[in-house]
Every structure is written in structure tokens, then in C-alpha cells.
Amino acid sequence: MSYDRDNIFAKILRGEIPSVKLYEDAETYVFMDIMPRADGHCLVIPKTPARNMLDASDDQLTACLRTVRRMGHAVMRAFDAGGVTVQQFNEAPGGQEVFHLHYHVLPRHEGVSLRPPGQMAEMDDLEAKAAKIRAALAEMG
């Protein structure tokens, strides 16, 4: 399968679709999931084209996982979470819906289930949660 340069995450990277940005470095971009399954649910993507983990370069994977770890610490701090779930899906049968490599980072609390998929968040709520994550990132340095 080939990479679709018109996928929604490619459009976000080009600035054609807005996102609630949390963090960015030379290789990765992080933003809030608009259908969060937990408070603080965010997505980590490479800035360069990769359909998924199966066709990503070692450099893309390394950069993404470095950022995933950083965001895991940040969301746990921001939401006083006891743990973090990281999800990554490959191809439609594997659960992938957007065909640009991405990692879901979800802060988790004991005894609290993930919300069902597909529920759109209010932008004000996303922005408020993003501010907490940005503050945690700033504290972490």
C-alpha cells in the first residue's frame, strides 16, 4: 500500500486543518485527539510520510518513540495519572483508520475505563486539557 499525501494528519502537518498542538520538534508533532478516550489523550506523529509502523524508517520510529515517552511523562503529570496506555495500529485489519503513522498516548487512572470511541470533544475542553499538558511539559524542561 502507498502513502496517501491527502490523509488528515498530512493535512494537519501542512496547516490545512487545525489541530490543538502540544509539542513539536524537528521530527515529530503532537496534538490532542479530537475524539479522546481519556482526558489528555494525544497523538504523536512523524513529520515525514510513513503509512504506519510497517513501512516507517528506523529514524522515524526512534523519533516517535522518544516523543511518545516524553508525552507519556507529561500526560501522567498533567492529569495525576498512575499509568499510561500507548496504542499504535497498522492497516485496516489491525484497527488503523488514519494511514499516517501515529501513536495514541492516554493517561490512565486505576479503575477508570476508556471512553467509547467516536465521541467528539468540545474545543474549549480540549484547549483546557492541552494547557495542562503544556504546563507539565514546561515543568519537565
N, C-alpha and C. Protein backbone atom coordinates (compact mmCIF):
# COMPACT_ATOMS: atom_id res chain seq x y z
N MET A 1 0.84 -1.18 0.00
CA MET A 1 0.00 0.00 0.00
C MET A 1 0.89 1.25 0.00
N SER A 2 0.41 2.27 -0.63
CA SER A 2 1.20 3.51 -0.71
C SER A 2 0.67 4.56 0.28
N TYR A 3 1.51 5.53 0.53
CA TYR A 3 1.18 6.63 1.44
C TYR A 3 0.26 7.62 0.72
N ASP A 4 -0.83 7.98 1.36
CA ASP A 4 -1.79 8.96 0.82
C ASP A 4 -1.44 10.34 1.37
N ARG A 5 -0.92 11.21 0.52
CA ARG A 5 -0.50 12.54 0.95
C ARG A 5 -1.67 13.46 1.31
N ASP A 6 -2.89 12.99 1.12
CA ASP A 6 -4.07 13.77 1.49
C ASP A 6 -4.77 13.24 2.74
N ASN A 7 -4.09 12.38 3.50
CA ASN A 7 -4.70 11.92 4.74
C ASN A 7 -4.79 13.08 5.72
N ILE A 8 -5.67 12.96 6.70
CA ILE A 8 -5.95 14.08 7.60
C ILE A 8 -4.71 14.54 8.38
N PHE A 9 -3.82 13.63 8.75
CA PHE A 9 -2.63 14.04 9.51
C PHE A 9 -1.64 14.77 8.62
N ALA A 10 -1.54 14.38 7.36
CA ALA A 10 -0.69 15.12 6.42
C ALA A 10 -1.23 16.53 6.25
N LYS A 11 -2.56 16.65 6.20
CA LYS A 11 -3.17 17.98 6.08
C LYS A 11 -2.93 18.82 7.33
N ILE A 12 -2.94 18.19 8.50
CA ILE A 12 -2.63 18.90 9.74
C ILE A 12 -1.19 19.40 9.69
N LEU A 13 -0.27 18.55 9.27
CA LEU A 13 1.14 18.95 9.18
C LEU A 13 1.35 20.11 8.21
N ARG A 14 0.55 20.15 7.14
CA ARG A 14 0.67 21.24 6.16
C ARG A 14 -0.10 22.49 6.60
N GLY A 15 -0.82 22.42 7.71
CA GLY A 15 -1.58 23.56 8.20
C GLY A 15 -2.90 23.77 7.49
N GLU A 16 -3.37 22.76 6.76
CA GLU A 16 -4.63 22.86 6.03
C GLU A 16 -5.83 22.57 6.93
N ILE A 17 -5.59 21.86 8.03
CA ILE A 17 -6.63 21.52 9.01
C ILE A 17 -6.07 21.92 10.37
N PRO A 18 -6.85 22.59 11.20
CA PRO A 18 -6.34 23.00 12.52
C PRO A 18 -6.18 21.81 13.46
N SER A 19 -5.30 21.98 14.43
CA SER A 19 -5.13 20.98 15.50
C SER A 19 -4.78 21.73 16.78
N VAL A 20 -4.96 21.05 17.89
CA VAL A 20 -4.59 21.61 19.19
C VAL A 20 -3.19 21.06 19.49
N LYS A 21 -2.20 21.86 19.14
CA LYS A 21 -0.79 21.46 19.24
C LYS A 21 -0.33 21.45 20.70
N LEU A 22 0.43 20.39 21.03
CA LEU A 22 1.00 20.26 22.36
C LEU A 22 2.51 20.41 22.35
N TYR A 23 3.15 19.84 21.33
CA TYR A 23 4.61 19.76 21.30
C TYR A 23 5.04 19.53 19.86
N GLU A 24 6.24 20.03 19.57
CA GLU A 24 6.80 19.83 18.24
C GLU A 24 8.31 19.88 18.36
N ASP A 25 8.98 19.00 17.63
CA ASP A 25 10.43 19.09 17.49
C ASP A 25 10.75 18.92 16.01
N ALA A 26 11.99 18.73 15.67
CA ALA A 26 12.38 18.66 14.26
C ALA A 26 11.76 17.47 13.54
N GLU A 27 11.44 16.41 14.28
CA GLU A 27 11.00 15.18 13.63
C GLU A 27 9.56 14.77 13.93
N THR A 28 8.98 15.29 15.02
CA THR A 28 7.64 14.85 15.42
C THR A 28 6.73 16.02 15.73
N TYR A 29 5.44 15.72 15.73
CA TYR A 29 4.40 16.70 16.04
C TYR A 29 3.40 16.00 16.94
N VAL A 30 2.93 16.69 17.99
CA VAL A 30 1.98 16.11 18.94
C VAL A 30 0.78 17.03 19.08
N PHE A 31 -0.42 16.44 19.04
CA PHE A 31 -1.65 17.21 19.16
C PHE A 31 -2.72 16.40 19.87
N MET A 32 -3.74 17.10 20.35
CA MET A 32 -4.83 16.45 21.06
C MET A 32 -5.70 15.64 20.10
N ASP A 33 -6.15 14.49 20.55
CA ASP A 33 -7.10 13.70 19.79
C ASP A 33 -8.47 14.36 19.94
N ILE A 34 -9.15 14.61 18.83
CA ILE A 34 -10.45 15.30 18.90
C ILE A 34 -11.58 14.38 19.35
N MET A 35 -11.29 13.08 19.43
CA MET A 35 -12.25 12.11 19.97
C MET A 35 -11.57 11.36 21.11
N PRO A 36 -11.27 12.06 22.20
CA PRO A 36 -10.46 11.47 23.27
C PRO A 36 -11.17 10.35 24.01
N ARG A 37 -10.42 9.29 24.25
CA ARG A 37 -10.94 8.16 25.01
C ARG A 37 -10.59 8.29 26.49
N ALA A 38 -9.73 9.29 26.80
CA ALA A 38 -9.37 9.62 28.19
C ALA A 38 -8.97 11.09 28.19
N ASP A 39 -9.11 11.76 29.33
CA ASP A 39 -8.66 13.14 29.44
C ASP A 39 -7.16 13.18 29.19
N GLY A 40 -6.73 14.02 28.24
CA GLY A 40 -5.32 14.13 27.91
C GLY A 40 -4.87 13.25 26.77
N HIS A 41 -5.78 12.54 26.14
CA HIS A 41 -5.47 11.66 25.00
C HIS A 41 -4.84 12.49 23.89
N CYS A 42 -3.63 12.15 23.50
CA CYS A 42 -2.95 12.88 22.44
C CYS A 42 -2.36 11.93 21.42
N LEU A 43 -1.94 12.49 20.29
CA LEU A 43 -1.38 11.72 19.19
C LEU A 43 0.01 12.22 18.87
N VAL A 44 0.93 11.29 18.65
CA VAL A 44 2.30 11.59 18.24
C VAL A 44 2.48 11.09 16.83
N ILE A 45 2.94 11.99 15.93
CA ILE A 45 3.15 11.60 14.53
C ILE A 45 4.52 12.07 14.05
N PRO A 46 5.09 11.35 13.07
CA PRO A 46 6.30 11.87 12.45
C PRO A 46 5.93 12.98 11.47
N LYS A 47 6.85 13.91 11.26
CA LYS A 47 6.60 14.99 10.31
C LYS A 47 6.81 14.55 8.86
N THR A 48 7.40 13.41 8.69
CA THR A 48 7.66 12.89 7.34
C THR A 48 6.71 11.74 7.04
N PRO A 49 6.43 11.50 5.75
CA PRO A 49 5.46 10.47 5.37
C PRO A 49 5.85 9.06 5.81
N ALA A 50 4.92 8.39 6.43
CA ALA A 50 5.02 6.97 6.77
C ALA A 50 3.59 6.48 6.95
N ARG A 51 3.20 5.48 6.22
CA ARG A 51 1.84 4.96 6.30
C ARG A 51 1.55 4.40 7.69
N ASN A 52 2.50 3.64 8.22
CA ASN A 52 2.37 3.07 9.56
C ASN A 52 3.72 2.51 10.00
N MET A 53 3.75 1.81 11.10
CA MET A 53 4.99 1.27 11.64
C MET A 53 5.66 0.29 10.67
N LEU A 54 4.88 -0.37 9.86
CA LEU A 54 5.42 -1.40 8.98
C LEU A 54 6.27 -0.85 7.85
N ASP A 55 6.06 0.41 7.47
CA ASP A 55 6.88 1.00 6.40
C ASP A 55 7.70 2.19 6.87
N ALA A 56 7.65 2.50 8.15
CA ALA A 56 8.42 3.62 8.70
C ALA A 56 9.91 3.27 8.76
N SER A 57 10.72 4.29 8.67
CA SER A 57 12.17 4.09 8.80
C SER A 57 12.54 3.93 10.28
N ASP A 58 13.71 3.39 10.53
CA ASP A 58 14.19 3.29 11.91
C ASP A 58 14.27 4.66 12.55
N ASP A 59 14.69 5.67 11.78
CA ASP A 59 14.78 7.03 12.32
C ASP A 59 13.42 7.58 12.70
N GLN A 60 12.40 7.33 11.87
CA GLN A 60 11.05 7.79 12.21
C GLN A 60 10.54 7.11 13.47
N LEU A 61 10.76 5.81 13.57
CA LEU A 61 10.30 5.06 14.74
C LEU A 61 11.01 5.54 16.01
N THR A 62 12.31 5.74 15.91
CA THR A 62 13.08 6.22 17.06
C THR A 62 12.59 7.58 17.52
N ALA A 63 12.42 8.50 16.57
CA ALA A 63 11.96 9.85 16.90
C ALA A 63 10.58 9.80 17.55
N CYS A 64 9.68 9.01 16.97
CA CYS A 64 8.32 8.92 17.53
C CYS A 64 8.33 8.35 18.93
N LEU A 65 9.06 7.28 19.15
CA LEU A 65 9.06 6.67 20.48
C LEU A 65 9.72 7.55 21.51
N ARG A 66 10.71 8.31 21.13
CA ARG A 66 11.32 9.28 22.06
C ARG A 66 10.26 10.30 22.49
N THR A 67 9.46 10.77 21.52
CA THR A 67 8.41 11.74 21.83
C THR A 67 7.26 11.09 22.59
N VAL A 68 6.92 9.86 22.26
CA VAL A 68 5.88 9.13 23.00
C VAL A 68 6.25 9.03 24.47
N ARG A 69 7.50 8.71 24.76
CA ARG A 69 7.95 8.61 26.16
C ARG A 69 7.81 9.96 26.86
N ARG A 70 8.25 11.02 26.19
CA ARG A 70 8.15 12.37 26.76
C ARG A 70 6.70 12.73 27.05
N MET A 71 5.82 12.45 26.08
CA MET A 71 4.40 12.77 26.26
C MET A 71 3.76 11.89 27.32
N GLY A 72 4.21 10.65 27.44
CA GLY A 72 3.69 9.78 28.50
C GLY A 72 3.95 10.38 29.87
N HIS A 73 5.18 10.86 30.09
CA HIS A 73 5.51 11.52 31.36
C HIS A 73 4.66 12.78 31.54
N ALA A 74 4.50 13.56 30.47
CA ALA A 74 3.76 14.82 30.56
C ALA A 74 2.29 14.60 30.89
N VAL A 75 1.63 13.65 30.22
CA VAL A 75 0.19 13.45 30.48
C VAL A 75 -0.04 12.84 31.85
N MET A 76 0.88 11.99 32.30
CA MET A 76 0.74 11.45 33.65
C MET A 76 0.85 12.57 34.68
N ARG A 77 1.80 13.47 34.47
CA ARG A 77 1.99 14.60 35.39
C ARG A 77 0.78 15.54 35.33
N ALA A 78 0.34 15.87 34.13
CA ALA A 78 -0.74 16.84 33.95
C ALA A 78 -2.05 16.36 34.57
N PHE A 79 -2.30 15.05 34.53
CA PHE A 79 -3.59 14.52 34.99
C PHE A 79 -3.44 13.64 36.23
N ASP A 80 -2.29 13.71 36.89
CA ASP A 80 -2.04 12.93 38.10
C ASP A 80 -2.43 11.46 37.88
N ALA A 81 -2.01 10.94 36.74
CA ALA A 81 -2.37 9.58 36.35
C ALA A 81 -1.36 8.58 36.90
N GLY A 82 -1.83 7.38 37.17
CA GLY A 82 -0.97 6.33 37.69
C GLY A 82 -0.27 5.53 36.61
N GLY A 83 -0.71 5.72 35.37
CA GLY A 83 -0.12 4.96 34.26
C GLY A 83 -0.45 5.61 32.94
N VAL A 84 0.03 4.98 31.89
CA VAL A 84 -0.22 5.48 30.54
C VAL A 84 -0.40 4.29 29.60
N THR A 85 -1.34 4.42 28.69
CA THR A 85 -1.53 3.43 27.64
C THR A 85 -1.05 4.04 26.33
N VAL A 86 -0.26 3.27 25.59
CA VAL A 86 0.19 3.68 24.26
C VAL A 86 -0.38 2.68 23.27
N GLN A 87 -1.07 3.21 22.26
CA GLN A 87 -1.67 2.35 21.23
C GLN A 87 -1.14 2.76 19.86
N GLN A 88 -0.93 1.75 19.00
CA GLN A 88 -0.48 2.01 17.65
C GLN A 88 -1.06 0.90 16.78
N PHE A 89 -1.76 1.27 15.71
CA PHE A 89 -2.46 0.31 14.86
C PHE A 89 -1.87 0.32 13.45
N ASN A 90 -1.86 -0.84 12.78
CA ASN A 90 -1.27 -0.97 11.46
C ASN A 90 -2.21 -1.65 10.49
N GLU A 91 -2.59 -0.90 9.45
CA GLU A 91 -3.51 -1.33 8.39
C GLU A 91 -4.91 -1.56 8.95
N ALA A 92 -5.88 -1.51 8.06
CA ALA A 92 -7.29 -1.58 8.46
C ALA A 92 -7.62 -2.81 9.30
N PRO A 93 -7.17 -4.01 8.92
CA PRO A 93 -7.49 -5.17 9.76
C PRO A 93 -6.88 -5.08 11.17
N GLY A 94 -5.83 -4.26 11.32
CA GLY A 94 -5.19 -4.06 12.61
C GLY A 94 -5.79 -2.90 13.39
N GLY A 95 -6.84 -2.27 12.85
CA GLY A 95 -7.52 -1.20 13.54
C GLY A 95 -7.13 0.20 13.11
N GLN A 96 -6.21 0.34 12.15
CA GLN A 96 -5.78 1.67 11.71
C GLN A 96 -6.87 2.33 10.88
N GLU A 97 -7.15 3.60 11.21
CA GLU A 97 -8.17 4.37 10.49
C GLU A 97 -7.58 5.53 9.72
N VAL A 98 -6.51 6.14 10.22
CA VAL A 98 -5.81 7.21 9.51
C VAL A 98 -4.45 6.64 9.11
N PHE A 99 -4.16 6.68 7.83
CA PHE A 99 -2.98 6.00 7.31
C PHE A 99 -1.76 6.91 7.23
N HIS A 100 -1.41 7.44 8.40
CA HIS A 100 -0.15 8.14 8.67
C HIS A 100 0.26 7.61 10.03
N LEU A 101 1.48 7.14 10.16
CA LEU A 101 1.96 6.58 11.42
C LEU A 101 1.57 7.48 12.59
N HIS A 102 0.96 6.92 13.60
CA HIS A 102 0.63 7.69 14.79
C HIS A 102 0.51 6.78 16.01
N TYR A 103 0.84 7.39 17.13
CA TYR A 103 0.77 6.72 18.43
C TYR A 103 -0.23 7.46 19.30
N HIS A 104 -1.13 6.72 19.91
CA HIS A 104 -2.08 7.27 20.88
C HIS A 104 -1.41 7.20 22.25
N VAL A 105 -1.43 8.31 22.99
CA VAL A 105 -0.89 8.35 24.34
C VAL A 105 -2.04 8.76 25.26
N LEU A 106 -2.40 7.86 26.17
CA LEU A 106 -3.58 8.06 27.03
C LEU A 106 -3.21 7.91 28.50
N PRO A 107 -3.34 8.99 29.29
CA PRO A 107 -3.13 8.84 30.73
C PRO A 107 -4.22 7.95 31.33
N ARG A 108 -3.83 7.14 32.32
CA ARG A 108 -4.79 6.19 32.88
C ARG A 108 -4.82 6.26 34.40
N HIS A 109 -6.02 6.04 34.93
CA HIS A 109 -6.24 6.02 36.37
C HIS A 109 -6.83 4.67 36.75
N GLU A 110 -6.41 4.17 37.89
CA GLU A 110 -6.90 2.88 38.39
C GLU A 110 -8.42 2.87 38.43
N GLY A 111 -9.01 1.83 37.84
CA GLY A 111 -10.46 1.65 37.89
C GLY A 111 -11.26 2.52 36.95
N VAL A 112 -10.61 3.33 36.11
CA VAL A 112 -11.33 4.19 35.17
C VAL A 112 -11.16 3.64 33.77
N SER A 113 -12.28 3.25 33.16
CA SER A 113 -12.24 2.68 31.81
C SER A 113 -12.08 3.77 30.76
N LEU A 114 -11.56 3.39 29.61
CA LEU A 114 -11.52 4.31 28.48
C LEU A 114 -12.94 4.60 28.01
N ARG A 115 -13.16 5.80 27.52
CA ARG A 115 -14.46 6.13 26.94
C ARG A 115 -14.60 5.39 25.61
N PRO A 116 -15.83 5.17 25.17
CA PRO A 116 -16.01 4.51 23.87
C PRO A 116 -15.48 5.40 22.75
N PRO A 117 -15.02 4.80 21.66
CA PRO A 117 -14.51 5.60 20.54
C PRO A 117 -15.62 6.38 19.84
N GLY A 118 -15.21 7.46 19.18
CA GLY A 118 -16.12 8.19 18.31
C GLY A 118 -16.86 9.36 18.91
N GLN A 119 -16.58 9.72 20.16
CA GLN A 119 -17.26 10.85 20.78
C GLN A 119 -16.41 12.11 20.65
N MET A 120 -16.91 13.08 19.88
CA MET A 120 -16.18 14.32 19.62
C MET A 120 -16.13 15.19 20.88
N ALA A 121 -14.97 15.77 21.14
CA ALA A 121 -14.79 16.65 22.30
C ALA A 121 -15.13 18.08 21.93
N GLU A 122 -15.47 18.87 22.94
CA GLU A 122 -15.66 20.31 22.76
C GLU A 122 -14.28 20.96 22.67
N MET A 123 -14.12 21.93 21.78
CA MET A 123 -12.82 22.57 21.61
C MET A 123 -12.34 23.27 22.87
N ASP A 124 -13.24 23.91 23.61
CA ASP A 124 -12.83 24.57 24.86
C ASP A 124 -12.26 23.57 25.85
N ASP A 125 -12.86 22.39 25.92
CA ASP A 125 -12.38 21.35 26.81
C ASP A 125 -11.00 20.84 26.37
N LEU A 126 -10.84 20.63 25.06
CA LEU A 126 -9.54 20.19 24.54
C LEU A 126 -8.46 21.22 24.84
N GLU A 127 -8.77 22.48 24.64
CA GLU A 127 -7.80 23.55 24.90
C GLU A 127 -7.41 23.59 26.38
N ALA A 128 -8.37 23.42 27.27
CA ALA A 128 -8.09 23.43 28.70
C ALA A 128 -7.17 22.27 29.08
N LYS A 129 -7.45 21.10 28.54
CA LYS A 129 -6.61 19.94 28.82
C LYS A 129 -5.22 20.10 28.20
N ALA A 130 -5.18 20.69 27.01
CA ALA A 130 -3.89 20.94 26.35
C ALA A 130 -3.04 21.88 27.19
N ALA A 131 -3.66 22.89 27.80
CA ALA A 131 -2.92 23.83 28.63
C ALA A 131 -2.26 23.11 29.80
N LYS A 132 -2.94 22.13 30.38
CA LYS A 132 -2.37 21.36 31.48
C LYS A 132 -1.16 20.56 31.01
N ILE A 133 -1.26 19.97 29.82
CA ILE A 133 -0.14 19.18 29.29
C ILE A 133 1.04 20.10 28.95
N ARG A 134 0.76 21.23 28.34
CA ARG A 134 1.83 22.18 28.00
C ARG A 134 2.54 22.65 29.27
N ALA A 135 1.78 22.88 30.33
CA ALA A 135 2.38 23.29 31.61
C ALA A 135 3.27 22.18 32.17
N ALA A 136 2.82 20.94 32.07
CA ALA A 136 3.64 19.82 32.53
C ALA A 136 4.91 19.71 31.71
N LEU A 137 4.81 19.90 30.39
CA LEU A 137 6.00 19.87 29.54
C LEU A 137 6.98 20.96 29.94
N ALA A 138 6.47 22.14 30.23
CA ALA A 138 7.33 23.26 30.64
C ALA A 138 8.03 22.94 31.97
N GLU A 139 7.32 22.33 32.90
CA GLU A 139 7.91 21.95 34.19
C GLU A 139 9.01 20.92 34.00
N MET A 140 8.81 20.02 33.03
CA MET A 140 9.78 18.96 32.76
C MET A 140 11.04 19.50 32.10
N GLY A 141 10.91 20.65 31.44
CA GLY A 141 12.06 21.26 30.76
C GLY A 141 12.42 20.63 29.45
